[in-house]
């Protein structure tokens, strides 16, 4: 089935709300023919629905939906209700699709989830599960930057103004005493907002000295001669922080809880399979990335291997880290103090986890 491609048309935004998400496409080498394990709808329709529409990005931090689609976990749980996927390049477009009813459920980064919730005054979406943690690094040109003490006067790229990595870099620089204007990116260190598709080219050309980026962009830069001088995991308690959530339209959640539960069962089973079959999962992920419907290119071994290893798959939304990321954005001046109370509804996830013999997860006081 064909995916509906959405492209981000807006340029930099200067309102004091968090914007952005991870770029998706343009990675890797020429792809081998995809070998997606498609599963046809079969059996009774869940909640009487003809289909459930899910959104995702074509990158390694969205391993759960990509692999779950490839292996048929979602389709098996939905029975006769077809899975229809849409691929996005950035978070704002996915939030727009959720708000317009073009998709029902989506995998997305924390920043656009926060932004979508805040801008709708808590009425548009709920975060219903975690999906991935980590997978973000500061990679630099080792000829220009030897260590974290050499950043002054250098140009460091992030994917987008106010996106998750942009906020993390600004917070890190402030903690080191560097002064940077959050909106313009100018200061002791220049923060240059650069689409992930363009970052490797800019790095090779020398127009940036490094980048604070997610996978697989970080591994692409290392393959191009860059050096990782900081894995963001080192900045977080237990090395865990949310990079991808699962969100749902509140309207869809209210009207079709059985379908939402089925998708979450597919997600939990996918994550369990990834953990127990890492080599097969990595191949399945790269096969999906090779599909033109997603990224259109497979990643070479020296990129897919570290990129897959650096992302931690999780059912836990790591809710406490979402609040901390929001606090960092407020501190940077990119976000007004948000009220995130009610952003999570983990009821169905915890029901699924219990049925699978797994421990429940916590919403850090931000539940309904």
Protein backbone atom coordinates (compact mmCIF):
# COMPACT_ATOMS: atom_id res chain seq x y z
CA UNK A 1 0.00 0.00 0.00
CA UNK A 2 1.28 3.50 -0.69
CA UNK A 3 2.13 5.96 2.05
CA UNK A 4 0.96 9.52 2.10
CA UNK A 5 4.06 11.67 2.14
CA UNK A 6 3.91 14.86 4.10
CA UNK A 7 6.62 17.46 3.83
CA UNK A 8 7.39 20.26 6.20
CA UNK A 9 6.94 23.56 4.41
CA UNK A 10 7.37 25.97 7.26
CA UNK A 11 10.70 27.64 7.83
CA UNK A 12 12.13 28.65 11.21
CA UNK A 13 9.54 29.56 13.80
CA UNK A 14 10.19 32.25 16.38
CA UNK A 15 7.12 31.90 18.61
CA UNK A 16 7.95 30.76 22.15
CA UNK A 17 6.61 27.26 21.63
CA UNK A 18 8.61 24.15 21.01
CA UNK A 19 8.77 23.18 17.37
CA UNK A 20 10.28 20.51 15.20
CA UNK A 21 11.19 16.89 15.16
CA UNK A 22 13.64 14.59 13.50
CA UNK A 23 14.24 14.66 9.77
CA UNK A 24 13.70 11.30 8.17
CA UNK A 25 14.79 10.67 4.62
CA UNK A 26 17.88 10.81 2.48
CA UNK A 27 20.11 8.35 4.36
CA UNK A 28 22.16 5.45 3.19
CA UNK A 29 23.26 3.86 -0.04
CA UNK A 30 21.38 2.44 -3.00
CA UNK A 31 18.95 -0.10 -1.63
CA UNK A 32 18.62 -3.78 -2.29
CA UNK A 33 15.14 -4.95 -3.19
CA UNK A 34 13.02 -4.78 -0.02
CA UNK A 35 11.84 -8.08 1.43
CA UNK A 36 9.02 -6.78 3.60
CA UNK A 37 7.07 -9.50 5.37
CA UNK A 38 3.65 -8.12 4.51
CA UNK A 39 0.66 -9.64 6.30
CA UNK A 40 -2.79 -9.26 4.80
CA UNK A 41 -5.81 -8.25 6.91
CA UNK A 42 -7.60 -11.39 8.06
CA UNK A 43 -10.52 -12.05 10.37
CA UNK A 44 -13.03 -9.79 12.13
CA UNK A 45 -12.52 -6.04 11.95
CA UNK A 46 -11.33 -4.47 15.20
CA UNK A 47 -13.91 -1.99 16.50
CA UNK A 48 -15.60 -2.38 13.10
CA UNK A 49 -12.91 -0.25 11.47
CA UNK A 50 -11.84 -0.71 7.86
CA UNK A 51 -8.37 0.60 8.73
CA UNK A 52 -6.18 2.22 11.35
CA UNK A 53 -3.90 4.97 10.05
CA UNK A 54 -0.48 5.30 11.66
CA UNK A 55 2.27 7.87 11.14
CA UNK A 56 6.01 7.38 11.44
CA UNK A 57 9.39 8.59 10.19
CA UNK A 58 11.74 6.53 8.01
CA UNK A 59 14.68 6.44 10.42
CA UNK A 60 16.27 4.22 13.04
CA UNK A 61 14.72 5.95 16.05
CA UNK A 62 11.38 4.70 14.66
CA UNK A 63 12.54 1.09 14.65
CA UNK A 64 9.42 -0.13 16.45
CA UNK A 65 6.84 0.87 13.82
CA UNK A 66 9.14 0.08 10.89
CA UNK A 67 9.96 -3.40 12.14
CA UNK A 68 6.42 -3.99 13.43
CA UNK A 69 5.08 -3.26 9.94
CA UNK A 70 7.74 -5.41 8.28
CA UNK A 71 7.04 -8.42 10.51
CA UNK A 72 3.27 -7.95 10.52
CA UNK A 73 2.87 -7.54 14.29
CA UNK A 74 0.38 -4.68 14.00
CA UNK A 75 -1.65 -6.32 11.26
CA UNK A 76 -1.90 -9.60 13.17
CA UNK A 77 -3.29 -7.79 16.22
CA UNK A 78 -5.78 -5.75 14.16
CA UNK A 79 -7.17 -8.79 12.34
CA UNK A 80 -9.43 -7.71 9.49
CA UNK A 81 -8.73 -4.02 10.06
CA UNK A 82 -6.02 -2.90 7.65
CA UNK A 83 -2.95 -0.95 8.77
CA UNK A 84 -2.41 2.14 6.62
CA UNK A 85 0.89 3.92 7.20
CA UNK A 86 1.97 7.45 6.34
CA UNK A 87 5.60 8.54 6.34
CA UNK A 88 6.58 12.01 7.55
CA UNK A 89 9.74 14.07 7.35
CA UNK A 90 9.20 16.11 10.53
CA UNK A 91 7.03 16.32 13.62
CA UNK A 92 4.90 19.40 12.83
CA UNK A 93 3.50 17.74 9.68
CA UNK A 94 2.62 14.62 11.65
CA UNK A 95 0.89 16.65 14.37
CA UNK A 96 -1.05 18.49 11.66
CA UNK A 97 -2.12 15.15 10.17
CA UNK A 98 -3.23 13.89 13.59
CA UNK A 99 -5.22 17.06 14.24
CA UNK A 100 -6.89 16.91 10.82
CA UNK A 101 -7.83 13.25 11.18
CA UNK A 102 -5.47 12.08 8.41
CA UNK A 103 -3.83 9.67 10.88
CA UNK A 104 -5.05 8.13 14.13
CA UNK A 105 -1.85 7.07 15.89
CA UNK A 106 1.74 8.21 15.41
CA UNK A 107 5.32 7.62 16.47
CA UNK A 108 6.95 10.98 17.14
CA UNK A 109 9.62 12.79 19.14
CA UNK A 110 8.96 14.47 22.51
CA UNK A 111 9.22 18.07 21.31
CA UNK A 112 6.40 17.99 18.74
CA UNK A 113 4.28 15.93 21.14
CA UNK A 114 4.67 18.63 23.78
CA UNK A 115 4.05 21.38 21.25
CA UNK A 116 0.93 19.71 19.88
CA UNK A 117 -0.49 19.16 23.34
CA UNK A 118 0.25 22.69 24.55
CA UNK A 119 -1.03 24.45 21.42
CA UNK A 120 -4.32 22.54 21.60
CA UNK A 121 -4.69 23.36 25.31
CA UNK A 122 -4.51 19.67 26.11
CA UNK A 123 -7.24 18.58 23.71
CA UNK A 124 -5.51 17.12 20.65
CA UNK A 125 -3.46 14.11 21.70
CA UNK A 126 -2.32 11.72 24.38
CA UNK A 127 1.01 9.99 24.73
CA UNK A 128 0.12 6.32 25.15
CA UNK A 129 3.50 4.55 25.08
CA UNK A 130 7.21 4.89 24.77
CA UNK A 131 9.15 3.51 21.84
CA UNK A 132 12.82 4.52 21.91
CA UNK A 133 15.45 6.06 24.13
CA UNK A 134 18.86 7.50 23.36
CA UNK A 135 20.49 7.45 19.96
CA UNK A 136 21.75 11.06 20.06
CA UNK A 137 25.38 12.17 19.94
CA UNK A 138 27.64 15.18 19.47
CA UNK A 139 29.87 14.29 16.53
CA UNK A 140 32.66 16.68 15.50
CA UNK A 141 35.46 17.15 13.01
CA UNK A 142 38.45 15.93 15.07
CA UNK A 143 40.79 18.24 13.16
CA UNK A 144 38.87 21.27 14.45
CA UNK A 145 37.54 20.07 17.81
CA UNK A 146 39.55 17.85 20.13
CA UNK A 147 37.13 17.79 23.04
CA UNK A 148 34.22 19.46 24.81
CA UNK A 149 36.46 22.36 25.85
CA UNK A 150 37.06 23.37 22.23
CA UNK A 151 33.54 24.44 21.22
CA UNK A 152 33.93 28.21 21.53
CA UNK A 153 33.88 29.89 18.13
CA UNK A 154 32.76 26.69 16.41
CA UNK A 155 29.58 25.96 14.41
CA UNK A 156 27.47 23.05 15.60
CA UNK A 157 24.40 21.85 13.70
CA UNK A 158 21.09 20.67 15.12
CA UNK A 159 18.13 19.41 13.06
CA UNK A 160 15.69 22.27 13.62
CA UNK A 161 15.02 25.31 15.78
CA UNK A 162 13.50 24.15 19.06
CA UNK A 163 13.54 20.45 18.22
CA UNK A 164 14.62 17.90 20.81
CA UNK A 165 18.31 17.94 19.90
CA UNK A 166 18.37 21.73 19.54
CA UNK A 167 17.06 22.12 23.08
CA UNK A 168 19.54 19.56 24.39
CA UNK A 169 22.50 21.36 22.81
CA UNK A 170 21.38 24.79 24.04
CA UNK A 171 20.95 23.41 27.55
CA UNK A 172 24.37 21.75 27.44
CA UNK A 173 26.09 24.92 26.20
CA UNK A 174 24.41 27.03 28.89
CA UNK A 175 25.60 24.57 31.51
CA UNK A 176 29.16 25.01 30.25
CA UNK A 177 28.89 28.80 30.50
CA UNK A 178 28.55 29.55 26.80
CA UNK A 179 26.13 32.32 25.83
CA UNK A 180 23.99 31.64 22.75
CA UNK A 181 20.88 33.46 21.52
CA UNK A 182 18.37 30.60 21.27
CA UNK A 183 16.41 32.05 18.37
CA UNK A 184 19.24 33.15 16.08
CA UNK A 185 21.74 30.53 17.23
CA UNK A 186 24.46 33.18 17.42
CA UNK A 187 26.87 33.49 20.32
CA UNK A 188 29.99 31.94 21.80
CA UNK A 189 29.07 28.85 19.81
CA UNK A 190 27.06 29.14 16.59
CA UNK A 191 24.10 26.77 16.55
CA UNK A 192 23.17 26.19 12.92
CA UNK A 193 19.81 24.58 12.23
CA UNK A 194 20.33 22.11 9.39
CA UNK A 195 18.03 19.40 8.07
CA UNK A 196 19.35 15.93 8.88
CA UNK A 197 19.35 15.10 5.16
CA UNK A 198 21.78 17.97 4.55
CA UNK A 199 24.00 17.63 7.63
CA UNK A 200 26.40 14.96 6.27
CA UNK A 201 27.03 17.05 3.15
CA UNK A 202 27.58 20.21 5.20
CA UNK A 203 29.95 18.27 7.47
CA UNK A 204 32.01 16.99 4.55
CA UNK A 205 32.12 20.47 3.02
CA UNK A 206 33.39 21.98 6.28
CA UNK A 207 30.53 24.46 6.67
CA UNK A 208 29.81 22.99 10.11
CA UNK A 209 32.34 21.79 12.67
CA UNK A 210 30.07 19.24 14.30
CA UNK A 211 26.47 18.29 14.97
CA UNK A 212 24.24 17.26 17.87
CA UNK A 213 22.06 14.77 16.02
CA UNK A 214 20.05 11.55 16.29
CA UNK A 215 20.67 8.26 14.58
CA UNK A 216 21.38 7.45 11.85
CA UNK A 217 22.80 10.93 11.13
CA UNK A 218 25.33 10.59 13.96
CA UNK A 219 26.69 7.33 12.54
CA UNK A 220 26.72 8.83 9.04
CA UNK A 221 29.02 11.59 10.33
CA UNK A 222 31.30 9.10 12.07
CA UNK A 223 31.52 7.11 8.83
CA UNK A 224 32.54 10.36 7.11
CA UNK A 225 35.47 10.85 9.49
CA UNK A 226 33.74 12.47 12.45
CA UNK A 227 34.40 11.65 16.09
CA UNK A 228 31.78 11.21 18.80
CA UNK A 229 32.83 13.33 21.77
CA UNK A 230 29.56 13.03 23.71
CA UNK A 231 26.77 10.46 23.79
CA UNK A 232 23.73 12.26 25.22
CA UNK A 233 22.98 9.18 27.35
CA UNK A 234 25.80 10.33 29.64
CA UNK A 235 23.79 13.42 30.58
CA UNK A 236 20.74 11.50 31.82
CA UNK A 237 20.04 9.41 34.89
CA UNK A 238 20.61 5.74 34.10
CA UNK A 239 21.45 6.82 30.54
CA UNK A 240 17.79 6.88 29.52
CA UNK A 241 15.74 9.66 27.92
CA UNK A 242 12.80 9.63 25.55
CA UNK A 243 13.51 10.09 21.85
CA UNK A 244 10.32 8.56 20.38
CA UNK A 245 6.79 8.36 21.85
CA UNK A 246 3.53 6.89 20.61
CA UNK A 247 0.68 9.42 20.42
CA UNK A 248 -2.99 9.07 19.58
CA UNK A 249 -5.81 11.42 18.72
CA UNK A 250 -7.95 11.84 21.81
CA UNK A 251 -11.06 11.45 19.65
CA UNK A 252 -9.80 8.15 18.23
CA UNK A 253 -8.79 6.91 21.69
CA UNK A 254 -12.26 7.62 23.04
CA UNK A 255 -14.14 6.11 20.10
CA UNK A 256 -11.90 3.12 19.31
CA UNK A 257 -10.05 1.91 22.42
CA UNK A 258 -9.95 -1.70 21.14
CA UNK A 259 -8.08 -0.60 18.03
CA UNK A 260 -5.64 1.46 20.11
CA UNK A 261 -5.08 -1.51 22.40
CA UNK A 262 -4.42 -3.74 19.39
CA UNK A 263 -1.77 -1.34 18.06
CA UNK A 264 -0.15 -1.20 21.50
CA UNK A 265 -0.09 -5.00 21.66
CA UNK A 266 1.64 -4.95 18.30
CA UNK A 267 4.13 -2.40 19.61
CA UNK A 268 4.93 -4.36 22.78
CA UNK A 269 5.30 -7.61 20.84
CA UNK A 270 7.50 -5.88 18.26
CA UNK A 271 9.79 -4.53 20.97
CA UNK A 272 10.04 -7.95 22.60
CA UNK A 273 10.94 -9.48 19.23
CA UNK A 274 13.57 -6.81 18.56
CA UNK A 275 15.23 -7.55 21.90
CA UNK A 276 15.20 -11.32 21.34
CA UNK A 277 16.14 -11.23 17.64
CA UNK A 278 18.55 -8.28 17.28
CA UNK A 279 20.25 -9.40 14.06
CA UNK A 280 16.98 -10.24 12.31
CA UNK A 281 15.47 -7.00 13.61
CA UNK A 282 18.34 -4.95 12.22
CA UNK A 283 17.90 -6.56 8.81
CA UNK A 284 14.14 -6.02 8.91
CA UNK A 285 14.70 -2.36 9.76
CA UNK A 286 17.12 -1.86 6.89
CA UNK A 287 14.76 -3.66 4.51
CA UNK A 288 12.02 -1.23 5.47
CA UNK A 289 14.32 1.75 5.05
CA UNK A 290 15.11 0.48 1.56
CA UNK A 291 11.43 0.66 0.62
CA UNK A 292 10.65 3.88 -1.33
CA UNK A 293 7.61 4.26 0.89
CA UNK A 294 9.90 4.98 3.83
CA UNK A 295 13.45 6.25 3.28
CA UNK A 296 14.05 4.72 -0.14
CA UNK A 297 17.63 3.74 0.70
CA UNK A 298 19.18 1.09 2.88
CA UNK A 299 22.00 2.09 5.22
CA UNK A 300 25.49 0.66 4.65
CA UNK A 301 26.85 -1.66 7.31
CA UNK A 302 29.15 0.92 8.88
CA UNK A 303 26.08 3.09 9.54
CA UNK A 304 23.21 0.69 10.27
CA UNK A 305 25.29 -1.36 12.76
CA UNK A 306 26.14 1.49 15.19
CA UNK A 307 22.86 3.34 14.54
CA UNK A 308 20.81 0.28 15.49
CA UNK A 309 23.00 -0.43 18.52
CA UNK A 310 22.81 3.14 19.83
CA UNK A 311 19.00 3.28 20.00
CA UNK A 312 17.38 1.57 22.99
CA UNK A 313 13.92 0.15 22.36
CA UNK A 314 11.48 0.60 25.24
CA UNK A 315 7.78 0.40 26.08
CA UNK A 316 8.32 2.87 28.93
CA UNK A 317 7.64 6.46 27.82
CA UNK A 318 10.20 7.69 30.38
CA UNK A 319 7.74 10.39 31.41
CA UNK A 320 10.03 12.11 33.90
CA UNK A 321 12.49 12.87 31.10
CA UNK A 322 9.73 14.47 29.01
CA UNK A 323 9.13 16.99 31.79
CA UNK A 324 12.85 17.60 32.09
CA UNK A 325 13.16 18.19 28.34
CA UNK A 326 10.30 20.69 28.55
CA UNK A 327 12.07 22.43 31.44
CA UNK A 328 15.23 22.71 29.34
CA UNK A 329 13.22 24.37 26.55
CA UNK A 330 11.72 26.85 29.01
CA UNK A 331 15.19 27.64 30.34
CA UNK A 332 16.43 28.23 26.79
CA UNK A 333 13.56 30.65 26.12
CA UNK A 334 12.00 28.46 23.43
CA UNK A 335 8.94 27.41 25.39
CA UNK A 336 6.58 29.10 27.80
CA UNK A 337 6.12 27.10 30.99
CA UNK A 338 3.76 24.32 29.85
CA UNK A 339 1.12 22.51 31.85
CA UNK A 340 1.71 18.90 30.82
CA UNK A 341 -0.74 17.43 33.30
CA UNK A 342 -2.85 14.92 31.41
CA UNK A 343 -0.52 14.47 28.45
CA UNK A 344 -0.18 10.74 29.22
CA UNK A 345 -2.80 8.00 29.23
CA UNK A 346 -0.97 4.75 29.90
CA UNK A 347 -4.07 2.75 30.87
CA UNK A 348 -4.15 0.57 27.77
CA UNK A 349 -0.38 0.16 27.65
CA UNK A 350 -0.28 -1.09 31.23
CA UNK A 351 -3.17 -3.45 30.45
CA UNK A 352 -1.16 -4.89 27.57
CA UNK A 353 2.03 -5.09 29.64
CA UNK A 354 0.19 -6.97 32.38
CA UNK A 355 -1.20 -9.46 29.87
CA UNK A 356 2.36 -10.03 28.60
CA UNK A 357 3.68 -10.59 32.14
CA UNK A 358 5.57 -7.29 32.20
CA UNK A 359 5.73 -4.60 34.90
CA UNK A 360 3.58 -1.46 34.53
CA UNK A 361 5.14 1.89 33.58
CA UNK A 362 4.69 5.24 35.27
CA UNK A 363 3.44 8.59 33.97
CA UNK A 364 5.49 10.66 36.47
CA UNK A 365 2.33 12.42 37.64
CA UNK A 366 1.48 13.65 34.13
CA UNK A 367 -1.40 11.25 33.51
CA UNK A 368 -5.06 11.96 32.98
